[in-house]
Amino acid sequence: MEQAPEVKYAVVTDANKGIGIEIINNAVIGGLVIKDNDWVPQVLLNSRELSDDVIEKAGIVETFELAEECLQINYYSAKRISEALLPLLQ
């Protein structure tokens, strides 16, 4: 006798764009769409009972100092290196 496949459930928040939609698109998942924001806290409170996994959108809260450090590393360092090497290309 053939066994039924194991069914797993996941709660994915913010699944309409970005990482959330990619998780949904790359998984074999049927979905329930909740558009009424009043339901969200109740669903999340019960999600551990309803699902095997909970995947929530990761929010980033930064201070001005952290944002400035990020710019220094990701933007200005690349800019300075490009400016330093540009004369070698001329």
N, C-alpha and C. Protein backbone atom coordinates (compact mmCIF):
# COMPACT_ATOMS: atom_id res chain seq x y z
N MET A 1 0.84 -1.18 0.00
CA MET A 1 0.00 0.00 0.00
C MET A 1 0.89 1.24 0.00
N GLU A 2 0.54 2.20 -0.83
CA GLU A 2 1.33 3.41 -0.99
C GLU A 2 1.04 4.39 0.14
N GLN A 3 2.12 4.94 0.73
CA GLN A 3 1.94 5.92 1.80
C GLN A 3 1.70 7.30 1.20
N ALA A 4 0.88 8.06 1.87
CA ALA A 4 0.66 9.44 1.45
C ALA A 4 1.92 10.25 1.73
N PRO A 5 2.25 11.20 0.85
CA PRO A 5 3.45 12.01 1.10
C PRO A 5 3.28 12.84 2.37
N GLU A 6 4.40 13.08 3.04
CA GLU A 6 4.37 13.90 4.25
C GLU A 6 4.02 15.33 3.87
N VAL A 7 3.10 15.90 4.58
CA VAL A 7 2.67 17.27 4.30
C VAL A 7 3.29 18.18 5.36
N LYS A 8 3.92 19.25 4.90
CA LYS A 8 4.49 20.24 5.81
C LYS A 8 3.87 21.59 5.49
N TYR A 9 3.84 22.41 6.50
CA TYR A 9 3.26 23.74 6.36
C TYR A 9 4.29 24.78 6.77
N ALA A 10 4.24 25.93 6.11
CA ALA A 10 5.11 27.05 6.46
C ALA A 10 4.30 28.33 6.43
N VAL A 11 4.61 29.22 7.34
CA VAL A 11 4.03 30.56 7.33
C VAL A 11 5.11 31.49 6.80
N VAL A 12 4.83 32.15 5.68
CA VAL A 12 5.78 33.08 5.07
C VAL A 12 5.11 34.45 5.05
N THR A 13 5.69 35.41 5.76
CA THR A 13 5.13 36.75 5.75
C THR A 13 5.77 37.56 4.64
N ASP A 14 5.06 38.57 4.18
CA ASP A 14 5.53 39.48 3.13
C ASP A 14 5.93 38.71 1.87
N ALA A 15 5.08 37.78 1.47
CA ALA A 15 5.40 36.90 0.34
C ALA A 15 4.93 37.45 -1.00
N ASN A 16 4.69 38.75 -1.08
CA ASN A 16 4.24 39.32 -2.35
C ASN A 16 5.37 39.95 -3.14
N LYS A 17 6.61 39.94 -2.57
CA LYS A 17 7.74 40.52 -3.30
C LYS A 17 9.04 40.02 -2.68
N GLY A 18 10.12 40.27 -3.36
CA GLY A 18 11.45 40.00 -2.82
C GLY A 18 11.69 38.55 -2.43
N ILE A 19 12.35 38.39 -1.30
CA ILE A 19 12.73 37.06 -0.82
C ILE A 19 11.50 36.21 -0.54
N GLY A 20 10.47 36.81 0.03
CA GLY A 20 9.26 36.06 0.36
C GLY A 20 8.64 35.39 -0.84
N ILE A 21 8.52 36.12 -1.96
CA ILE A 21 7.91 35.53 -3.15
C ILE A 21 8.81 34.46 -3.76
N GLU A 22 10.12 34.63 -3.65
CA GLU A 22 11.04 33.60 -4.16
C GLU A 22 10.94 32.31 -3.34
N ILE A 23 10.77 32.45 -2.04
CA ILE A 23 10.59 31.26 -1.20
C ILE A 23 9.34 30.50 -1.65
N ILE A 24 8.26 31.24 -1.88
CA ILE A 24 7.01 30.62 -2.32
C ILE A 24 7.17 30.01 -3.70
N ASN A 25 7.81 30.73 -4.63
CA ASN A 25 7.97 30.24 -6.00
C ASN A 25 8.85 29.00 -6.09
N ASN A 26 9.81 28.87 -5.19
CA ASN A 26 10.75 27.75 -5.26
C ASN A 26 10.36 26.58 -4.37
N ALA A 27 9.24 26.67 -3.73
CA ALA A 27 8.77 25.58 -2.88
C ALA A 27 7.47 25.04 -3.47
N VAL A 28 7.19 23.82 -3.15
CA VAL A 28 5.92 23.24 -3.58
C VAL A 28 4.92 23.57 -2.48
N ILE A 29 4.33 24.73 -2.62
CA ILE A 29 3.47 25.25 -1.55
C ILE A 29 2.17 25.77 -2.16
N GLY A 30 1.10 25.40 -1.54
CA GLY A 30 -0.18 26.03 -1.82
C GLY A 30 -0.30 27.17 -0.83
N GLY A 31 -1.08 28.16 -1.12
CA GLY A 31 -1.05 29.31 -0.24
C GLY A 31 -2.39 29.80 0.22
N LEU A 32 -2.37 30.48 1.32
CA LEU A 32 -3.50 31.20 1.86
C LEU A 32 -3.06 32.65 1.92
N VAL A 33 -3.79 33.53 1.28
CA VAL A 33 -3.43 34.94 1.25
C VAL A 33 -4.31 35.67 2.25
N ILE A 34 -3.66 36.39 3.15
CA ILE A 34 -4.38 37.18 4.14
C ILE A 34 -4.15 38.64 3.81
N LYS A 35 -5.22 39.32 3.39
CA LYS A 35 -5.09 40.73 3.03
C LYS A 35 -5.58 41.64 4.15
N ASP A 36 -6.29 41.10 5.11
CA ASP A 36 -6.78 41.89 6.23
C ASP A 36 -5.72 41.88 7.32
N ASN A 37 -5.06 43.02 7.52
CA ASN A 37 -3.96 43.09 8.47
C ASN A 37 -4.37 42.78 9.90
N ASP A 38 -5.65 42.88 10.22
CA ASP A 38 -6.10 42.55 11.57
C ASP A 38 -5.92 41.06 11.88
N TRP A 39 -5.87 40.23 10.85
CA TRP A 39 -5.71 38.78 11.05
C TRP A 39 -4.26 38.39 11.32
N VAL A 40 -3.31 39.20 10.85
CA VAL A 40 -1.90 38.81 10.89
C VAL A 40 -1.41 38.47 12.29
N PRO A 41 -1.63 39.31 13.32
CA PRO A 41 -1.12 38.94 14.65
C PRO A 41 -1.67 37.61 15.15
N GLN A 42 -2.94 37.35 14.91
CA GLN A 42 -3.54 36.09 15.36
C GLN A 42 -2.93 34.90 14.64
N VAL A 43 -2.72 35.04 13.33
CA VAL A 43 -2.11 33.95 12.56
C VAL A 43 -0.70 33.69 13.06
N LEU A 44 0.07 34.76 13.30
CA LEU A 44 1.45 34.58 13.77
C LEU A 44 1.50 33.97 15.16
N LEU A 45 0.55 34.35 16.02
CA LEU A 45 0.51 33.76 17.36
C LEU A 45 0.26 32.26 17.30
N ASN A 46 -0.56 31.84 16.36
CA ASN A 46 -0.89 30.42 16.23
C ASN A 46 -0.01 29.68 15.23
N SER A 47 0.93 30.37 14.61
CA SER A 47 1.69 29.77 13.51
C SER A 47 2.52 28.58 13.95
N ARG A 48 3.01 28.56 15.16
CA ARG A 48 3.80 27.41 15.62
C ARG A 48 2.93 26.16 15.72
N GLU A 49 1.67 26.34 16.02
CA GLU A 49 0.76 25.19 16.06
C GLU A 49 0.33 24.78 14.65
N LEU A 50 0.30 25.75 13.73
CA LEU A 50 -0.19 25.49 12.38
C LEU A 50 0.87 25.01 11.42
N SER A 51 2.14 25.32 11.71
CA SER A 51 3.16 25.08 10.68
C SER A 51 4.41 24.45 11.24
N ASP A 52 5.22 23.95 10.30
CA ASP A 52 6.52 23.39 10.64
C ASP A 52 7.60 24.47 10.64
N ASP A 53 7.41 25.51 9.85
CA ASP A 53 8.37 26.59 9.73
C ASP A 53 7.65 27.93 9.73
N VAL A 54 8.31 28.94 10.26
CA VAL A 54 7.82 30.31 10.18
C VAL A 54 8.93 31.12 9.53
N ILE A 55 8.62 31.78 8.43
CA ILE A 55 9.60 32.60 7.73
C ILE A 55 9.05 34.01 7.70
N GLU A 56 9.67 34.90 8.44
CA GLU A 56 9.20 36.27 8.52
C GLU A 56 10.16 37.20 7.80
N LYS A 57 9.61 38.25 7.25
CA LYS A 57 10.44 39.26 6.60
C LYS A 57 11.37 39.84 7.65
N ALA A 58 12.64 39.91 7.33
CA ALA A 58 13.62 40.46 8.25
C ALA A 58 13.67 41.97 8.07
N GLY A 59 13.34 42.70 9.09
CA GLY A 59 13.43 44.14 9.03
C GLY A 59 14.78 44.61 9.53
N ILE A 60 15.25 45.69 8.96
CA ILE A 60 16.54 46.23 9.37
C ILE A 60 16.30 47.63 9.94
N VAL A 61 16.71 47.82 11.17
CA VAL A 61 16.63 49.13 11.80
C VAL A 61 18.06 49.59 12.00
N GLU A 62 18.38 50.73 11.40
CA GLU A 62 19.75 51.21 11.48
C GLU A 62 19.78 52.58 12.12
N THR A 63 20.89 52.84 12.77
CA THR A 63 21.15 54.18 13.26
C THR A 63 21.86 54.94 12.15
N PHE A 64 21.96 56.24 12.32
CA PHE A 64 22.69 57.05 11.34
C PHE A 64 24.13 56.58 11.22
N GLU A 65 24.74 56.26 12.35
CA GLU A 65 26.14 55.83 12.35
C GLU A 65 26.34 54.54 11.55
N LEU A 66 25.43 53.58 11.72
CA LEU A 66 25.54 52.33 10.97
C LEU A 66 25.33 52.55 9.47
N ALA A 67 24.40 53.43 9.12
CA ALA A 67 24.17 53.74 7.71
C ALA A 67 25.40 54.42 7.12
N GLU A 68 26.00 55.33 7.88
CA GLU A 68 27.21 56.01 7.41
C GLU A 68 28.36 55.02 7.22
N GLU A 69 28.53 54.10 8.15
CA GLU A 69 29.58 53.08 8.03
C GLU A 69 29.34 52.21 6.79
N CYS A 70 28.10 51.86 6.55
CA CYS A 70 27.75 51.05 5.37
C CYS A 70 28.12 51.79 4.09
N LEU A 71 27.81 53.09 4.02
CA LEU A 71 28.18 53.88 2.85
C LEU A 71 29.69 53.97 2.69
N GLN A 72 30.40 54.16 3.80
CA GLN A 72 31.86 54.25 3.74
C GLN A 72 32.46 52.97 3.16
N ILE A 73 31.94 51.85 3.57
CA ILE A 73 32.48 50.56 3.12
C ILE A 73 32.03 50.24 1.70
N ASN A 74 30.74 50.33 1.44
CA ASN A 74 30.19 49.85 0.17
C ASN A 74 30.29 50.84 -0.98
N TYR A 75 30.26 52.13 -0.69
CA TYR A 75 30.29 53.12 -1.77
C TYR A 75 31.63 53.83 -1.86
N TYR A 76 32.02 54.50 -0.78
CA TYR A 76 33.21 55.34 -0.85
C TYR A 76 34.49 54.55 -1.05
N SER A 77 34.59 53.36 -0.49
CA SER A 77 35.82 52.58 -0.70
C SER A 77 35.95 52.18 -2.17
N ALA A 78 34.86 51.78 -2.81
CA ALA A 78 34.90 51.45 -4.24
C ALA A 78 35.20 52.69 -5.07
N LYS A 79 34.64 53.82 -4.67
CA LYS A 79 34.89 55.08 -5.38
C LYS A 79 36.36 55.46 -5.29
N ARG A 80 36.94 55.38 -4.10
CA ARG A 80 38.35 55.75 -3.92
C ARG A 80 39.28 54.82 -4.71
N ILE A 81 38.99 53.54 -4.70
CA ILE A 81 39.81 52.59 -5.45
C ILE A 81 39.72 52.88 -6.95
N SER A 82 38.50 53.13 -7.44
CA SER A 82 38.32 53.44 -8.86
C SER A 82 39.07 54.71 -9.24
N GLU A 83 39.00 55.74 -8.41
CA GLU A 83 39.71 56.99 -8.69
C GLU A 83 41.22 56.78 -8.68
N ALA A 84 41.70 55.93 -7.79
CA ALA A 84 43.15 55.68 -7.71
C ALA A 84 43.64 54.90 -8.91
N LEU A 85 42.84 53.98 -9.43
CA LEU A 85 43.28 53.13 -10.53
C LEU A 85 42.97 53.72 -11.91
N LEU A 86 42.08 54.69 -11.97
CA LEU A 86 41.68 55.27 -13.25
C LEU A 86 42.86 55.81 -14.07
N PRO A 87 43.83 56.50 -13.46
CA PRO A 87 44.97 56.99 -14.26
C PRO A 87 45.75 55.87 -14.95
N LEU A 88 45.74 54.68 -14.40
CA LEU A 88 46.45 53.57 -15.02
C LEU A 88 45.78 53.10 -16.31
N LEU A 89 44.51 53.41 -16.48
CA LEU A 89 43.77 53.00 -17.67
C LEU A 89 43.88 54.01 -18.80
N GLN A 90 44.39 55.21 -18.50
CA GLN A 90 44.45 56.26 -19.53
C GLN A 90 45.71 56.18 -20.35
